[in-house]
């Protein structure tokens, strides 16, 4: 199954539209959203075309294809305008024949192993590194990237991970699980 994995839209209608375009171009079966969908957060600047209701409408148009975990900026009110569940802290899935734990990143699972893939957003910086307790993967940020990283998302299929620039769709990093 092909997945598009994205995090930290933070209410940017502009970048949410771009994400939807890329998702449809990728022909992925599912869009895995790793939280911080509608609210920009008190520590972040307002992203381009900040419009939470437009973001909700865009994402609701994909509701049958969305998997989602809750971010630290997501609230109960967000769940009232989104037509898919956003309450879970974690999502378990199989990725490249390994167990992947998907989370926003502000709450971490207690037990991981070297064989576990931990996928999150939250820090707004793409990453891929083997750690003592897991393989750590960060998809970056859709609307507020940090440390000079591009607006990004992750395409996952089989054992391949592709970090892509949301503006161009170009691959800027490729890794094999």
Protein backbone atom coordinates (compact mmCIF):
# COMPACT_ATOMS: atom_id res chain seq x y z
CA UNK A 1 0.00 0.00 0.00
CA UNK A 2 1.28 3.43 -0.90
CA UNK A 3 1.00 6.12 1.78
CA UNK A 4 1.52 9.84 1.79
CA UNK A 5 2.57 10.94 5.27
CA UNK A 6 2.36 14.59 6.30
CA UNK A 7 2.36 16.68 9.44
CA UNK A 8 1.97 20.21 10.70
CA UNK A 9 -0.43 21.86 8.25
CA UNK A 10 -1.19 24.42 10.98
CA UNK A 11 -4.25 25.90 9.25
CA UNK A 12 -2.54 26.94 6.01
CA UNK A 13 -5.13 26.63 3.25
CA UNK A 14 -2.40 27.28 0.67
CA UNK A 15 -0.20 24.38 1.79
CA UNK A 16 -3.20 22.14 2.47
CA UNK A 17 -4.30 22.55 -1.16
CA UNK A 18 -0.75 21.72 -2.29
CA UNK A 19 -0.76 18.61 -0.09
CA UNK A 20 -4.06 17.46 -1.59
CA UNK A 21 -2.66 17.99 -5.12
CA UNK A 22 0.47 15.95 -4.33
CA UNK A 23 -1.58 13.22 -2.62
CA UNK A 24 -3.76 12.83 -5.72
CA UNK A 25 -0.69 12.92 -8.02
CA UNK A 26 0.98 10.21 -5.93
CA UNK A 27 -2.08 7.94 -6.39
CA UNK A 28 -1.62 6.80 -2.79
CA UNK A 29 -4.28 4.73 -1.08
CA UNK A 30 -4.08 6.60 2.24
CA UNK A 31 -3.05 9.98 3.60
CA UNK A 32 -1.55 9.60 7.08
CA UNK A 33 -1.74 12.93 8.92
CA UNK A 34 0.49 13.27 11.97
CA UNK A 35 -1.34 16.08 13.71
CA UNK A 36 -1.35 19.87 14.07
CA UNK A 37 -3.89 20.23 11.31
CA UNK A 38 -5.84 23.44 11.90
CA UNK A 39 -4.32 25.66 14.60
CA UNK A 40 -0.97 27.40 14.05
CA UNK A 41 0.16 27.27 17.69
CA UNK A 42 1.18 30.19 19.87
CA UNK A 43 4.91 29.76 19.15
CA UNK A 44 4.57 29.63 15.37
CA UNK A 45 4.03 32.46 12.88
CA UNK A 46 0.80 32.50 10.90
CA UNK A 47 1.35 30.31 7.84
CA UNK A 48 0.38 31.28 4.28
CA UNK A 49 -3.37 31.75 3.79
CA UNK A 50 -4.25 30.84 7.36
CA UNK A 51 -7.84 29.60 7.09
CA UNK A 52 -8.79 26.74 9.38
CA UNK A 53 -12.27 26.21 7.93
CA UNK A 54 -10.92 25.96 4.38
CA UNK A 55 -8.32 23.44 5.58
CA UNK A 56 -11.07 21.42 7.25
CA UNK A 57 -13.11 21.44 4.03
CA UNK A 58 -10.11 20.30 1.95
CA UNK A 59 -9.27 17.47 4.36
CA UNK A 60 -12.93 16.46 4.75
CA UNK A 61 -13.01 15.96 0.98
CA UNK A 62 -10.46 13.18 1.50
CA UNK A 63 -12.01 11.76 4.71
CA UNK A 64 -12.41 8.19 3.42
CA UNK A 65 -8.69 8.03 2.68
CA UNK A 66 -7.35 9.77 5.81
CA UNK A 67 -5.67 8.18 8.82
CA UNK A 68 -4.84 10.67 11.54
CA UNK A 69 -3.22 11.06 14.95
CA UNK A 70 -3.63 14.01 17.26
CA UNK A 71 -1.00 16.73 17.55
CA UNK A 72 -0.27 19.05 20.43
CA UNK A 73 -2.09 21.92 18.66
CA UNK A 74 -5.20 19.84 17.86
CA UNK A 75 -8.23 20.33 20.10
CA UNK A 76 -11.65 18.87 20.76
CA UNK A 77 -13.13 21.74 18.74
CA UNK A 78 -11.07 20.64 15.69
CA UNK A 79 -12.78 17.27 15.94
CA UNK A 80 -16.13 19.03 15.58
CA UNK A 81 -15.27 20.38 12.10
CA UNK A 82 -13.22 17.43 10.82
CA UNK A 83 -15.18 14.44 9.52
CA UNK A 84 -12.56 11.81 10.41
CA UNK A 85 -11.16 10.74 13.79
CA UNK A 86 -8.26 12.78 15.21
CA UNK A 87 -8.28 11.58 18.83
CA UNK A 88 -5.65 8.80 18.72
CA UNK A 89 -2.15 9.50 20.03
CA UNK A 90 -0.63 6.64 17.99
CA UNK A 91 -1.29 4.62 14.86
CA UNK A 92 0.33 1.22 14.23
CA UNK A 93 0.99 0.08 10.68
CA UNK A 94 3.21 -2.20 8.69
CA UNK A 95 5.88 -0.45 6.66
CA UNK A 96 8.48 -2.34 4.68
CA UNK A 97 7.63 -5.50 6.63
CA UNK A 98 8.32 -3.76 9.95
CA UNK A 99 6.04 -2.33 12.61
CA UNK A 100 5.76 1.42 12.42
CA UNK A 101 4.42 3.60 15.22
CA UNK A 102 3.09 6.87 13.84
CA UNK A 103 2.59 9.74 16.26
CA UNK A 104 2.76 13.51 16.23
CA UNK A 105 5.91 13.53 18.37
CA UNK A 106 4.88 15.34 21.53
CA UNK A 107 3.90 12.05 23.20
CA UNK A 108 6.27 9.16 22.71
CA UNK A 109 5.47 5.45 23.07
CA UNK A 110 7.01 3.71 26.04
CA UNK A 111 8.35 0.60 24.33
CA UNK A 112 10.25 0.59 21.08
CA UNK A 113 12.76 -1.83 19.63
CA UNK A 114 15.54 -1.49 17.07
CA UNK A 115 13.14 -3.08 14.57
CA UNK A 116 10.43 -0.50 15.24
CA UNK A 117 10.05 2.49 12.94
CA UNK A 118 8.97 5.63 14.78
CA UNK A 119 7.40 8.17 12.41
CA UNK A 120 6.46 11.64 13.53
CA UNK A 121 6.28 15.33 12.70
CA UNK A 122 6.18 17.96 15.49
CA UNK A 123 9.78 19.13 15.08
CA UNK A 124 9.24 20.36 11.48
CA UNK A 125 12.57 18.92 10.26
CA UNK A 126 12.88 15.83 8.01
CA UNK A 127 14.98 13.04 9.55
CA UNK A 128 16.02 9.42 9.08
CA UNK A 129 18.34 7.89 11.68
CA UNK A 130 18.88 4.61 13.46
CA UNK A 131 18.70 5.22 17.18
CA UNK A 132 19.34 2.90 20.12
CA UNK A 133 15.66 2.09 20.49
CA UNK A 134 14.20 2.52 16.97
CA UNK A 135 14.57 3.75 13.43
CA UNK A 136 13.50 7.40 13.68
CA UNK A 137 11.76 9.04 10.73
CA UNK A 138 10.39 12.59 10.60
CA UNK A 139 8.34 13.68 7.59
CA UNK A 140 9.05 17.40 8.08
CA UNK A 141 6.37 20.09 7.97
CA UNK A 142 3.76 20.96 5.38
CA UNK A 143 3.45 24.66 6.24
CA UNK A 144 6.12 25.79 8.73
CA UNK A 145 9.40 23.97 7.98
CA UNK A 146 12.39 24.66 10.20
CA UNK A 147 16.18 24.54 9.90
CA UNK A 148 16.07 25.53 6.21
CA UNK A 149 14.17 22.38 5.24
CA UNK A 150 11.59 22.54 2.44
CA UNK A 151 7.81 22.36 2.84
CA UNK A 152 7.65 18.58 2.73
CA UNK A 153 5.83 15.28 2.91
CA UNK A 154 6.85 11.64 2.85
CA UNK A 155 5.77 9.04 0.27
CA UNK A 156 6.07 5.46 1.50
CA UNK A 157 5.67 2.37 -0.63
CA UNK A 158 7.07 -1.09 0.04
CA UNK A 159 10.45 -0.55 1.68
CA UNK A 160 11.09 2.86 0.07
CA UNK A 161 10.72 6.24 1.76
CA UNK A 162 10.81 9.36 -0.37
CA UNK A 163 10.90 12.85 1.16
CA UNK A 164 9.43 15.25 -1.33
CA UNK A 165 9.34 19.00 -1.68
CA UNK A 166 5.68 20.00 -1.47
CA UNK A 167 6.14 22.88 -3.90
CA UNK A 168 7.78 20.93 -6.72
CA UNK A 169 7.09 17.28 -5.92
CA UNK A 170 10.83 16.62 -6.35
CA UNK A 171 12.53 14.01 -4.19
CA UNK A 172 15.14 15.53 -1.90
CA UNK A 173 15.91 12.36 0.06
CA UNK A 174 15.41 8.64 -0.53
CA UNK A 175 15.92 5.85 2.01
CA UNK A 176 15.39 2.10 2.05
CA UNK A 177 14.00 0.43 5.17
